Amino acid sequence: MSEAPDITTAWRQLLEGTPGTRQGDFLVVEAAHAQPRLRALYPFPTHGTLHFLLVAPPPWPESDGDRLPFIVCGGPPYKIYTPGYGELLGETATPREAAALVVDHLPPDAGLSAEG
């Protein structure tokens, strides 16, 4: 499975369900995309979660993939964790609330780029 070369393409492929690409929980993807700060990050669905990366691959920055909070899909409830399942930040009833909670816990500079 190939990865999208940039943030905009990654979001488009997720929202369109492009064959041969990573797919995620559509309601969670849609809610995350509605948040401008998350839309500026690279969406990375994996193992029933939606992670957010600061840059598009390649290369995969070793520290980037595990720096930002992420959503565990398949809810409700939707669970939001710190990197590496370090701490449960909260549970929400809707994907929209989950995306907002991720934004609330982003580092100050994450998701502020013009791309997306």
PDB file of N, CA and C in Angstrom:
ATOM      1  N   MET A   1       0.841  -1.173   0.000  1.00  0.00           N
ATOM      2  CA  MET A   1       0.000   0.000   0.000  1.00  0.00           C
ATOM      3  C   MET A   1       0.889   1.239   0.000  1.00  0.00           C
ATOM      4  N   SER A   2       0.701   2.078  -0.984  1.00  0.00           N
ATOM      5  CA  SER A   2       1.533   3.276  -1.055  1.00  0.00           C
ATOM      6  C   SER A   2       0.920   4.392  -0.214  1.00  0.00           C
ATOM      7  N   GLU A   3       1.794   5.250   0.279  1.00  0.00           N
ATOM      8  CA  GLU A   3       1.350   6.390   1.080  1.00  0.00           C
ATOM      9  C   GLU A   3       1.219   7.607   0.173  1.00  0.00           C
ATOM     10  N   ALA A   4       0.300   8.469   0.506  1.00  0.00           N
ATOM     11  CA  ALA A   4       0.125   9.706  -0.254  1.00  0.00           C
ATOM     12  C   ALA A   4       1.380  10.558  -0.114  1.00  0.00           C
ATOM     13  N   PRO A   5       1.765  11.265  -1.163  1.00  0.00           N
ATOM     14  CA  PRO A   5       3.008  12.034  -1.137  1.00  0.00           C
ATOM     15  C   PRO A   5       2.927  13.349  -0.357  1.00  0.00           C
ATOM     16  N   ASP A   6       1.707  13.798  -0.066  1.00  0.00           N
ATOM     17  CA  ASP A   6       1.579  15.074   0.642  1.00  0.00           C
ATOM     18  C   ASP A   6       0.284  15.081   1.459  1.00  0.00           C
ATOM     19  N   ILE A   7       0.144  16.087   2.286  1.00  0.00           N
ATOM     20  CA  ILE A   7      -0.984  16.178   3.214  1.00  0.00           C
ATOM     21  C   ILE A   7      -2.313  16.301   2.471  1.00  0.00           C
ATOM     22  N   THR A   8      -2.379  17.168   1.488  1.00  0.00           N
ATOM     23  CA  THR A   8      -3.628  17.382   0.755  1.00  0.00           C
ATOM     24  C   THR A   8      -4.092  16.107   0.071  1.00  0.00           C
ATOM     25  N   THR A   9      -3.167  15.400  -0.562  1.00  0.00           N
ATOM     26  CA  THR A   9      -3.507  14.150  -1.245  1.00  0.00           C
ATOM     27  C   THR A   9      -3.955  13.090  -0.251  1.00  0.00           C
ATOM     28  N   ALA A  10      -3.301  13.010   0.889  1.00  0.00           N
ATOM     29  CA  ALA A  10      -3.680  12.020   1.902  1.00  0.00           C
ATOM     30  C   ALA A  10      -5.125  12.231   2.354  1.00  0.00           C
ATOM     31  N   TRP A  11      -5.481  13.472   2.629  1.00  0.00           N
ATOM     32  CA  TRP A  11      -6.868  13.754   3.044  1.00  0.00           C
ATOM     33  C   TRP A  11      -7.846  13.424   1.919  1.00  0.00           C
ATOM     34  N   ARG A  12      -7.507  13.811   0.696  1.00  0.00           N
ATOM     35  CA  ARG A  12      -8.406  13.547  -0.433  1.00  0.00           C
ATOM     36  C   ARG A  12      -8.636  12.051  -0.596  1.00  0.00           C
ATOM     37  N   GLN A  13      -7.562  11.261  -0.525  1.00  0.00           N
ATOM     38  CA  GLN A  13      -7.690   9.815  -0.681  1.00  0.00           C
ATOM     39  C   GLN A  13      -8.540   9.206   0.429  1.00  0.00           C
ATOM     40  N   LEU A  14      -8.373   9.694   1.652  1.00  0.00           N
ATOM     41  CA  LEU A  14      -9.189   9.188   2.759  1.00  0.00           C
ATOM     42  C   LEU A  14     -10.660   9.538   2.567  1.00  0.00           C
ATOM     43  N   LEU A  15     -10.929  10.767   2.199  1.00  0.00           N
ATOM     44  CA  LEU A  15     -12.316  11.208   2.041  1.00  0.00           C
ATOM     45  C   LEU A  15     -13.004  10.558   0.848  1.00  0.00           C
ATOM     46  N   GLU A  16     -12.236  10.262  -0.195  1.00  0.00           N
ATOM     47  CA  GLU A  16     -12.801   9.639  -1.395  1.00  0.00           C
ATOM     48  C   GLU A  16     -12.777   8.118  -1.335  1.00  0.00           C
ATOM     49  N   GLY A  17     -12.063   7.539  -0.372  1.00  0.00           N
ATOM     50  CA  GLY A  17     -11.951   6.086  -0.294  1.00  0.00           C
ATOM     51  C   GLY A  17     -11.184   5.506  -1.466  1.00  0.00           C
ATOM     52  N   THR A  18     -10.128   6.178  -1.882  1.00  0.00           N
ATOM     53  CA  THR A  18      -9.332   5.763  -3.031  1.00  0.00           C
ATOM     54  C   THR A  18      -8.816   4.334  -2.844  1.00  0.00           C
ATOM     55  N   PRO A  19      -9.128   3.424  -3.793  1.00  0.00           N
ATOM     56  CA  PRO A  19      -8.643   2.048  -3.688  1.00  0.00           C
ATOM     57  C   PRO A  19      -7.115   1.989  -3.628  1.00  0.00           C
ATOM     58  N   GLY A  20      -6.598   1.021  -2.878  1.00  0.00           N
ATOM     59  CA  GLY A  20      -5.160   0.815  -2.778  1.00  0.00           C
ATOM     60  C   GLY A  20      -4.470   1.750  -1.806  1.00  0.00           C
ATOM     61  N   THR A  21      -5.246   2.519  -1.056  1.00  0.00           N
ATOM     62  CA  THR A  21      -4.668   3.425  -0.064  1.00  0.00           C
ATOM     63  C   THR A  21      -5.215   3.068   1.314  1.00  0.00           C
ATOM     64  N   ARG A  22      -4.579   3.591   2.335  1.00  0.00           N
ATOM     65  CA  ARG A  22      -5.062   3.372   3.698  1.00  0.00           C
ATOM     66  C   ARG A  22      -6.461   3.959   3.844  1.00  0.00           C
ATOM     67  N   GLN A  23      -7.299   3.252   4.577  1.00  0.00           N
ATOM     68  CA  GLN A  23      -8.647   3.730   4.836  1.00  0.00           C
ATOM     69  C   GLN A  23      -8.857   3.825   6.339  1.00  0.00           C
ATOM     70  N   GLY A  24      -9.734   4.700   6.738  1.00  0.00           N
ATOM     71  CA  GLY A  24     -10.033   4.871   8.149  1.00  0.00           C
ATOM     72  C   GLY A  24     -11.531   4.916   8.367  1.00  0.00           C
ATOM     73  N   ASP A  25     -11.925   5.094   9.606  1.00  0.00           N
ATOM     74  CA  ASP A  25     -13.324   5.268   9.978  1.00  0.00           C
ATOM     75  C   ASP A  25     -13.796   6.572   9.329  1.00  0.00           C
ATOM     76  N   PHE A  26     -14.695   6.477   8.358  1.00  0.00           N
ATOM     77  CA  PHE A  26     -15.050   7.653   7.563  1.00  0.00           C
ATOM     78  C   PHE A  26     -15.594   8.788   8.414  1.00  0.00           C
ATOM     79  N   LEU A  27     -16.418   8.481   9.407  1.00  0.00           N
ATOM     80  CA  LEU A  27     -16.988   9.546  10.237  1.00  0.00           C
ATOM     81  C   LEU A  27     -15.910  10.278  11.025  1.00  0.00           C
ATOM     82  N   VAL A  28     -14.911   9.539  11.491  1.00  0.00           N
ATOM     83  CA  VAL A  28     -13.800  10.158  12.222  1.00  0.00           C
ATOM     84  C   VAL A  28     -12.946  10.979  11.260  1.00  0.00           C
ATOM     85  N   VAL A  29     -12.660  10.430  10.100  1.00  0.00           N
ATOM     86  CA  VAL A  29     -11.872  11.153   9.094  1.00  0.00           C
ATOM     87  C   VAL A  29     -12.576  12.450   8.704  1.00  0.00           C
ATOM     88  N   GLU A  30     -13.865  12.371   8.455  1.00  0.00           N
ATOM     89  CA  GLU A  30     -14.636  13.552   8.065  1.00  0.00           C
ATOM     90  C   GLU A  30     -14.628  14.615   9.174  1.00  0.00           C
ATOM     91  N   ALA A  31     -14.802  14.183  10.418  1.00  0.00           N
ATOM     92  CA  ALA A  31     -14.792  15.126  11.545  1.00  0.00           C
ATOM     93  C   ALA A  31     -13.415  15.754  11.726  1.00  0.00           C
ATOM     94  N   ALA A  32     -12.369  14.952  11.574  1.00  0.00           N
ATOM     95  CA  ALA A  32     -11.007  15.483  11.706  1.00  0.00           C
ATOM     96  C   ALA A  32     -10.713  16.480  10.587  1.00  0.00           C
ATOM     97  N   HIS A  33     -11.133  16.156   9.379  1.00  0.00           N
ATOM     98  CA  HIS A  33     -10.898  17.042   8.241  1.00  0.00           C
ATOM     99  C   HIS A  33     -11.602  18.385   8.418  1.00  0.00           C
ATOM    100  N   ALA A  34     -12.687  18.413   9.140  1.00  0.00           N
ATOM    101  CA  ALA A  34     -13.427  19.659   9.374  1.00  0.00           C
ATOM    102  C   ALA A  34     -12.687  20.615  10.310  1.00  0.00           C
ATOM    103  N   GLN A  35     -11.681  20.104  11.014  1.00  0.00           N
ATOM    104  CA  GLN A  35     -10.880  20.928  11.923  1.00  0.00           C
ATOM    105  C   GLN A  35      -9.670  21.480  11.154  1.00  0.00           C
ATOM    106  N   PRO A  36      -9.574  22.790  10.962  1.00  0.00           N
ATOM    107  CA  PRO A  36      -8.460  23.339  10.179  1.00  0.00           C
ATOM    108  C   PRO A  36      -7.079  22.914  10.667  1.00  0.00           C
ATOM    109  N   ARG A  37      -6.862  22.835  11.962  1.00  0.00           N
ATOM    110  CA  ARG A  37      -5.522  22.458  12.449  1.00  0.00           C
ATOM    111  C   ARG A  37      -5.218  20.996  12.140  1.00  0.00           C
ATOM    112  N   LEU A  38      -6.210  20.125  12.212  1.00  0.00           N
ATOM    113  CA  LEU A  38      -5.971  18.721  11.868  1.00  0.00           C
ATOM    114  C   LEU A  38      -5.820  18.561  10.365  1.00  0.00           C
ATOM    115  N   ARG A  39      -6.554  19.336   9.604  1.00  0.00           N
ATOM    116  CA  ARG A  39      -6.459  19.279   8.142  1.00  0.00           C
ATOM    117  C   ARG A  39      -5.068  19.668   7.659  1.00  0.00           C
ATOM    118  N   ALA A  40      -4.324  20.412   8.449  1.00  0.00           N
ATOM    119  CA  ALA A  40      -2.956  20.812   8.093  1.00  0.00           C
ATOM    120  C   ALA A  40      -1.928  19.751   8.465  1.00  0.00           C
ATOM    121  N   LEU A  41      -2.382  18.653   9.094  1.00  0.00           N
ATOM    122  CA  LEU A  41      -1.495  17.552   9.477  1.00  0.00           C
ATOM    123  C   LEU A  41      -1.725  16.366   8.547  1.00  0.00           C
ATOM    124  N   TYR A  42      -0.740  15.478   8.468  1.00  0.00           N
ATOM    125  CA  TYR A  42      -0.849  14.284   7.627  1.00  0.00           C
ATOM    126  C   TYR A  42      -1.686  13.245   8.369  1.00  0.00           C
ATOM    127  N   PRO A  43      -2.840  12.839   7.819  1.00  0.00           N
ATOM    128  CA  PRO A  43      -3.671  11.837   8.487  1.00  0.00           C
ATOM    129  C   PRO A  43      -3.121  10.438   8.238  1.00  0.00           C
ATOM    130  N   PHE A  44      -3.043   9.647   9.291  1.00  0.00           N
ATOM    131  CA  PHE A  44      -2.470   8.315   9.153  1.00  0.00           C
ATOM    132  C   PHE A  44      -3.328   7.301   9.908  1.00  0.00           C
ATOM    133  N   PRO A  45      -4.292   6.664   9.198  1.00  0.00           N
ATOM    134  CA  PRO A  45      -5.104   5.639   9.844  1.00  0.00           C
ATOM    135  C   PRO A  45      -4.326   4.327   9.933  1.00  0.00           C
ATOM    136  N   THR A  46      -4.351   3.718  11.103  1.00  0.00           N
ATOM    137  CA  THR A  46      -3.673   2.442  11.291  1.00  0.00           C
ATOM    138  C   THR A  46      -4.256   1.718  12.495  1.00  0.00           C
ATOM    139  N   HIS A  47      -4.502   0.434  12.332  1.00  0.00           N
ATOM    140  CA  HIS A  47      -4.946  -0.425  13.424  1.00  0.00           C
ATOM    141  C   HIS A  47      -6.111   0.160  14.217  1.00  0.00           C
ATOM    142  N   GLY A  48      -7.128   0.663  13.517  1.00  0.00           N
ATOM    143  CA  GLY A  48      -8.319   1.180  14.172  1.00  0.00           C
ATOM    144  C   GLY A  48      -8.148   2.524  14.844  1.00  0.00           C
ATOM    145  N   THR A  49      -7.114   3.259  14.438  1.00  0.00           N
ATOM    146  CA  THR A  49      -6.868   4.585  15.008  1.00  0.00           C
ATOM    147  C   THR A  49      -6.669   5.587  13.878  1.00  0.00           C
ATOM    148  N   LEU A  50      -6.748   6.861  14.233  1.00  0.00           N
ATOM    149  CA  LEU A  50      -6.383   7.914  13.295  1.00  0.00           C
ATOM    150  C   LEU A  50      -5.321   8.764  13.969  1.00  0.00           C
ATOM    151  N   HIS A  51      -4.098   8.651  13.441  1.00  0.00           N
ATOM    152  CA  HIS A  51      -2.957   9.427  13.936  1.00  0.00           C
ATOM    153  C   HIS A  51      -2.758  10.637  13.033  1.00  0.00           C
ATOM    154  N   PHE A  52      -1.997  11.586  13.528  1.00  0.00           N
ATOM    155  CA  PHE A  52      -1.696  12.805  12.781  1.00  0.00           C
ATOM    156  C   PHE A  52      -0.194  13.041  12.831  1.00  0.00           C
ATOM    157  N   LEU A  53       0.401  13.264  11.654  1.00  0.00           N
ATOM    158  CA  LEU A  53       1.839  13.495  11.550  1.00  0.00           C
ATOM    159  C   LEU A  53       2.090  14.928  11.102  1.00  0.00           C
ATOM    160  N   LEU A  54       3.209  15.472  11.529  1.00  0.00           N
ATOM    161  CA  LEU A  54       3.543  16.853  11.176  1.00  0.00           C
ATOM    162  C   LEU A  54       3.967  17.005   9.721  1.00  0.00           C
ATOM    163  N   VAL A  55       4.518  15.956   9.137  1.00  0.00           N
ATOM    164  CA  VAL A  55       4.976  16.003   7.746  1.00  0.00           C
ATOM    165  C   VAL A  55       4.544  14.746   7.011  1.00  0.00           C
ATOM    166  N   ALA A  56       4.488  14.848   5.698  1.00  0.00           N
ATOM    167  CA  ALA A  56       4.153  13.700   4.869  1.00  0.00           C
ATOM    168  C   ALA A  56       5.388  12.840   4.653  1.00  0.00           C
ATOM    169  N   PRO A  57       5.204  11.528   4.512  1.00  0.00           N
ATOM    170  CA  PRO A  57       6.327  10.661   4.206  1.00  0.00           C
ATOM    171  C   PRO A  57       6.689  10.791   2.737  1.00  0.00           C
ATOM    172  N   PRO A  58       7.809  10.234   2.290  1.00  0.00           N
ATOM    173  CA  PRO A  58       8.962   9.908   3.097  1.00  0.00           C
ATOM    174  C   PRO A  58       9.838  11.127   3.319  1.00  0.00           C
ATOM    175  N   PRO A  59      10.787  11.092   4.144  1.00  0.00           N
ATOM    176  CA  PRO A  59      11.066   9.977   5.043  1.00  0.00           C
ATOM    177  C   PRO A  59      10.163  10.057   6.268  1.00  0.00           C
ATOM    178  N   TRP A  60      10.038   8.938   6.942  1.00  0.00           N
ATOM    179  CA  TRP A  60       9.282   8.912   8.185  1.00  0.00           C
ATOM    180  C   TRP A  60      10.175   9.432   9.296  1.00  0.00           C
ATOM    181  N   PRO A  61       9.855  10.581   9.830  1.00  0.00           N
ATOM    182  CA  PRO A  61      10.658  11.063  10.963  1.00  0.00           C
ATOM    183  C   PRO A  61      10.394  10.172  12.175  1.00  0.00           C
ATOM    184  N   GLU A  62      11.448   9.692  12.769  1.00  0.00           N
ATOM    185  CA  GLU A  62      11.288   8.746  13.873  1.00  0.00           C
ATOM    186  C   GLU A  62      10.485   9.317  15.024  1.00  0.00           C
ATOM    187  N   SER A  63      10.668  10.576  15.343  1.00  0.00           N
ATOM    188  CA  SER A  63       9.973  11.140  16.489  1.00  0.00           C
ATOM    189  C   SER A  63       8.594  11.690  16.134  1.00  0.00           C
ATOM    190  N   ASP A  64       8.329  11.947  14.874  1.00  0.00           N
ATOM    191  CA  ASP A  64       7.092  12.610  14.486  1.00  0.00           C
ATOM    192  C   ASP A  64       5.855  11.750  14.693  1.00  0.00           C
ATOM    193  N   GLY A  65       5.953  10.485  14.353  1.00  0.00           N
ATOM    194  CA  GLY A  65       4.786   9.631  14.397  1.00  0.00           C
ATOM    195  C   GLY A  65       4.223   9.413  15.774  1.00  0.00           C
ATOM    196  N   ASP A  66       4.962   9.731  16.781  1.00  0.00           N
ATOM    197  CA  ASP A  66       4.502   9.453  18.132  1.00  0.00           C
ATOM    198  C   ASP A  66       4.495  10.703  19.000  1.00  0.00           C
ATOM    199  N   ARG A  67       4.265  11.863  18.402  1.00  0.00           N
ATOM    200  CA  ARG A  67       4.291  13.123  19.154  1.00  0.00           C
ATOM    201  C   ARG A  67       2.922  13.701  19.432  1.00  0.00           C
ATOM    202  N   LEU A  68       1.938  13.354  18.631  1.00  0.00           N
ATOM    203  CA  LEU A  68       0.643  14.011  18.704  1.00  0.00           C
ATOM    204  C   LEU A  68      -0.438  13.070  19.230  1.00  0.00           C
ATOM    205  N   PRO A  69      -1.470  13.632  19.862  1.00  0.00           N
ATOM    206  CA  PRO A  69      -2.577  12.795  20.316  1.00  0.00           C
ATOM    207  C   PRO A  69      -3.289  12.171  19.117  1.00  0.00           C
ATOM    208  N   PHE A  70      -4.011  11.090  19.370  1.00  0.00           N
ATOM    209  CA  PHE A  70      -4.698  10.391  18.289  1.00  0.00           C
ATOM    210  C   PHE A  70      -6.047   9.866  18.765  1.00  0.00           C
ATOM    211  N   ILE A  71      -6.868   9.460  17.808  1.00  0.00           N
ATOM    212  CA  ILE A  71      -8.223   8.979  18.071  1.00  0.00           C
ATOM    213  C   ILE A  71      -8.277   7.471  17.861  1.00  0.00           C
ATOM    214  N   VAL A  72      -8.884   6.766  18.823  1.00  0.00           N
ATOM    215  CA  VAL A  72      -9.213   5.359  18.633  1.00  0.00           C
ATOM    216  C   VAL A  72     -10.622   5.327  18.053  1.00  0.00           C
ATOM    217  N   CYS A  73     -10.742   4.778  16.857  1.00  0.00           N
ATOM    218  CA  CYS A  73     -12.009   4.768  16.135  1.00  0.00           C
ATOM    219  C   CYS A  73     -12.910   3.635  16.633  1.00  0.00           C
ATOM    220  N   GLY A  74     -14.073   3.508  16.019  1.00  0.00           N
ATOM    221  CA  GLY A  74     -14.971   2.410  16.328  1.00  0.00           C
ATOM    222  C   GLY A  74     -15.945   2.700  17.449  1.00  0.00           C
ATOM    223  N   GLY A  75     -16.034   3.947  17.872  1.00  0.00           N
ATOM    224  CA  GLY A  75     -16.931   4.306  18.961  1.00  0.00           C
ATOM    225  C   GLY A  75     -18.353   4.459  18.474  1.00  0.00           C
ATOM    226  N   PRO A  76     -19.213   4.966  19.311  1.00  0.00           N
ATOM    227  CA  PRO A  76     -18.858   5.581  20.585  1.00  0.00           C
ATOM    228  C   PRO A  76     -18.645   4.542  21.680  1.00  0.00           C
ATOM    229  N   PRO A  77     -17.882   4.918  22.671  1.00  0.00           N
ATOM    230  CA  PRO A  77     -17.165   6.173  22.785  1.00  0.00           C
ATOM    231  C   PRO A  77     -15.910   6.165  21.916  1.00  0.00           C
ATOM    232  N   TYR A  78     -15.491   7.351  21.540  1.00  0.00           N
ATOM    233  CA  TYR A  78     -14.237   7.552  20.826  1.00  0.00           C
ATOM    234  C   TYR A  78     -13.211   7.977  21.865  1.00  0.00           C
ATOM    235  N   LYS A  79     -12.092   7.272  21.899  1.00  0.00           N
ATOM    236  CA  LYS A  79     -11.071   7.556  22.908  1.00  0.00           C
ATOM    237  C   LYS A  79      -9.924   8.337  22.284  1.00  0.00           C
ATOM    238  N   ILE A  80      -9.423   9.297  23.033  1.00  0.00           N
ATOM    239  CA  ILE A  80      -8.306  10.116  22.584  1.00  0.00           C
ATOM    240  C   ILE A  80      -7.161   9.900  23.552  1.00  0.00           C
ATOM    241  N   TYR A  81      -6.004   9.519  22.996  1.00  0.00           N
ATOM    242  CA  TYR A  81      -4.825   9.213  23.806  1.00  0.00           C
ATOM    243  C   TYR A  81      -3.663  10.126  23.453  1.00  0.00           C
ATOM    244  N   THR A  82      -2.765  10.249  24.410  1.00  0.00           N
ATOM    245  CA  THR A  82      -1.474  10.865  24.129  1.00  0.00           C
ATOM    246  C   THR A  82      -0.642   9.839  23.364  1.00  0.00           C
ATOM    247  N   PRO A  83       0.476  10.255  22.789  1.00  0.00           N
ATOM    248  CA  PRO A  83       1.312   9.334  22.012  1.00  0.00           C
ATOM    249  C   PRO A  83       1.618   8.043  22.761  1.00  0.00           C
ATOM    250  N   GLY A  84       1.593   6.948  22.015  1.00  0.00           N
ATOM    251  CA  GLY A  84       1.942   5.650  22.569  1.00  0.00           C
ATOM    252  C   GLY A  84       0.976   5.148  23.627  1.00  0.00           C
ATOM    253  N   TYR A  85      -0.260   5.593  23.590  1.00  0.00           N
ATOM    254  CA  TYR A  85      -1.266   5.235  24.598  1.00  0.00           C
ATOM    255  C   TYR A  85      -0.804   5.603  25.999  1.00  0.00           C
ATOM    256  N   GLY A  86       0.009   6.675  26.104  1.00  0.00           N
ATOM    257  CA  GLY A  86       0.550   7.083  27.396  1.00  0.00           C
ATOM    258  C   GLY A  86      -0.506   7.486  28.399  1.00  0.00           C
ATOM    259  N   GLU A  87      -1.504   8.236  27.945  1.00  0.00           N
ATOM    260  CA  GLU A  87      -2.545   8.717  28.855  1.00  0.00           C
ATOM    261  C   GLU A  87      -3.845   8.884  28.079  1.00  0.00           C
ATOM    262  N   LEU A  88      -4.939   8.453  28.674  1.00  0.00           N
ATOM    263  CA  LEU A  88      -6.248   8.678  28.081  1.00  0.00           C
ATOM    264  C   LEU A  88      -6.633  10.130  28.336  1.00  0.00           C
ATOM    265  N   LEU A  89      -6.787  10.898  27.271  1.00  0.00           N
ATOM    266  CA  LEU A  89      -7.150  12.309  27.407  1.00  0.00           C
ATOM    267  C   LEU A  89      -8.648  12.491  27.586  1.00  0.00           C
ATOM    268  N   GLY A  90      -9.406  11.532  27.090  1.00  0.00           N
ATOM    269  CA  GLY A  90     -10.851  11.615  27.246  1.00  0.00           C
ATOM    270  C   GLY A  90     -11.577  10.680  26.307  1.00  0.00           C
ATOM    271  N   GLU A  91     -12.870  10.561  26.551  1.00  0.00           N
ATOM    272  CA  GLU A  91     -13.765   9.786  25.705  1.00  0.00           C
ATOM    273  C   GLU A  91     -14.889  10.709  25.260  1.00  0.00           C
ATOM    274  N   THR A  92     -15.309  10.548  24.027  1.00  0.00           N
ATOM    275  CA  THR A  92     -16.363  11.409  23.499  1.00  0.00           C
ATOM    276  C   THR A  92     -17.456  10.561  22.865  1.00  0.00           C
ATOM    277  N   ALA A  93     -18.617  11.160  22.720  1.00  0.00           N
ATOM    278  CA  ALA A  93     -19.754  10.461  22.137  1.00  0.00           C
ATOM    279  C   ALA A  93     -19.780  10.546  20.614  1.00  0.00           C
ATOM    280  N   THR A  94     -19.095  11.544  20.063  1.00  0.00           N
ATOM    281  CA  THR A  94     -19.151  11.735  18.609  1.00  0.00           C
ATOM    282  C   THR A  94     -17.748  11.936  18.033  1.00  0.00           C
ATOM    283  N   PRO A  95     -17.590  11.627  16.748  1.00  0.00           N
ATOM    284  CA  PRO A  95     -16.308  11.900  16.095  1.00  0.00           C
ATOM    285  C   PRO A  95     -15.952  13.388  16.126  1.00  0.00           C
ATOM    286  N   ARG A  96     -16.945  14.238  15.990  1.00  0.00           N
ATOM    287  CA  ARG A  96     -16.699  15.687  16.009  1.00  0.00           C
ATOM    288  C   ARG A  96     -16.088  16.116  17.343  1.00  0.00           C
ATOM    289  N   GLU A  97     -16.630  15.612  18.442  1.00  0.00           N
ATOM    290  CA  GLU A  97     -16.077  15.930  19.762  1.00  0.00           C
ATOM    291  C   GLU A  97     -14.668  15.364  19.912  1.00  0.00           C
ATOM    292  N   ALA A  98     -14.438  14.179  19.341  1.00  0.00           N
ATOM    293  CA  ALA A  98     -13.110  13.562  19.414  1.00  0.00           C
ATOM    294  C   ALA A  98     -12.081  14.422  18.689  1.00  0.00           C
ATOM    295  N   ALA A  99     -12.429  14.884  17.498  1.00  0.00           N
ATOM    296  CA  ALA A  99     -11.507  15.736  16.738  1.00  0.00           C
ATOM    297  C   ALA A  99     -11.220  17.029  17.493  1.00  0.00           C
ATOM    298  N   ALA A 100     -12.237  17.611  18.093  1.00  0.00           N
ATOM    299  CA  ALA A 100     -12.047  18.851  18.859  1.00  0.00           C
ATOM    300  C   ALA A 100     -11.139  18.616  20.058  1.00  0.00           C
ATOM    301  N   LEU A 101     -11.259  17.456  20.696  1.00  0.00           N
ATOM    302  CA  LEU A 101     -10.409  17.149  21.846  1.00  0.00           C
ATOM    303  C   LEU A 101      -8.951  16.982  21.419  1.00  0.00           C
ATOM    304  N   VAL A 102      -8.730  16.370  20.269  1.00  0.00           N
ATOM    305  CA  VAL A 102      -7.362  16.270  19.751  1.00  0.00           C
ATOM    306  C   VAL A 102      -6.794  17.670  19.542  1.00  0.00           C
ATOM    307  N   VAL A 103      -7.553  18.539  18.908  1.00  0.00           N
ATOM    308  CA  VAL A 103      -7.089  19.913  18.664  1.00  0.00           C
ATOM    309  C   VAL A 103      -6.747  20.599  19.979  1.00  0.00           C
ATOM    310  N   ASP A 104      -7.576  20.403  20.989  1.00  0.00           N
ATOM    311  CA  ASP A 104      -7.330  21.023  22.301  1.00  0.00           C
ATOM    312  C   ASP A 104      -6.007  20.586  22.922  1.00  0.00           C
ATOM    313  N   HIS A 105      -5.512  19.406  22.521  1.00  0.00           N
ATOM    314  CA  HIS A 105      -4.286  18.865  23.113  1.00  0.00           C
ATOM    315  C   HIS A 105      -3.087  18.887  22.168  1.00  0.00           C
ATOM    316  N   LEU A 106      -3.210  19.560  21.031  1.00  0.00           N
ATOM    317  CA  LEU A 106      -2.064  19.682  20.121  1.00  0.00           C
ATOM    318  C   LEU A 106      -1.038  20.642  20.703  1.00  0.00           C
ATOM    319  N   PRO A 107       0.247  20.397  20.412  1.00  0.00           N
ATOM    320  CA  PRO A 107       1.261  21.396  20.769  1.00  0.00           C
ATOM    321  C   PRO A 107       0.914  22.717  20.075  1.00  0.00           C
ATOM    322  N   PRO A 108       1.314  23.835  20.638  1.00  0.00           N
ATOM    323  CA  PRO A 108       0.926  25.141  20.092  1.00  0.00           C
ATOM    324  C   PRO A 108       1.224  25.344  18.607  1.00  0.00           C
ATOM    325  N   ASP A 109       2.310  24.770  18.101  1.00  0.00           N
ATOM    326  CA  ASP A 109       2.691  25.002  16.706  1.00  0.00           C
ATOM    327  C   ASP A 109       2.177  23.942  15.737  1.00  0.00           C
ATOM    328  N   ALA A 110       1.553  22.882  16.221  1.00  0.00           N
ATOM    329  CA  ALA A 110       1.111  21.791  15.345  1.00  0.00           C
ATOM    330  C   ALA A 110      -0.158  22.177  14.594  1.00  0.00           C
ATOM    331  N   GLY A 111      -0.146  21.939  13.303  1.00  0.00           N
ATOM    332  CA  GLY A 111      -1.322  22.184  12.491  1.00  0.00           C
ATOM    333  C   GLY A 111      -1.555  23.633  12.145  1.00  0.00           C
ATOM    334  N   LEU A 112      -0.508  24.423  12.164  1.00  0.00           N
ATOM    335  CA  LEU A 112      -0.665  25.840  11.843  1.00  0.00           C
ATOM    336  C   LEU A 112      -0.133  26.198  10.469  1.00  0.00           C
ATOM    337  N   SER A 113       0.268  25.185   9.678  1.00  0.00           N
ATOM    338  CA  SER A 113       0.798  25.468   8.340  1.00  0.00           C
ATOM    339  C   SER A 113      -0.330  25.876   7.410  1.00  0.00           C
ATOM    340  N   ALA A 114       0.044  26.448   6.293  1.00  0.00           N
ATOM    341  CA  ALA A 114      -0.946  26.894   5.314  1.00  0.00           C
ATOM    342  C   ALA A 114      -1.437  25.751   4.449  1.00  0.00           C
ATOM    343  N   GLU A 115      -0.692  24.630   4.408  1.00  0.00           N
ATOM    344  CA  GLU A 115      -1.085  23.516   3.549  1.00  0.00           C
ATOM    345  C   GLU A 115      -2.290  22.837   4.154  1.00  0.00           C
ATOM    346  N   GLY A 116      -3.142  22.281   3.311  1.00  0.00           N
ATOM    347  CA  GLY A 116      -4.274  21.521   3.756  1.00  0.00           C
ATOM    348  C   GLY A 116      -5.501  22.072   3.189  1.00  0.00           C
TER     349      GLY A 116
END
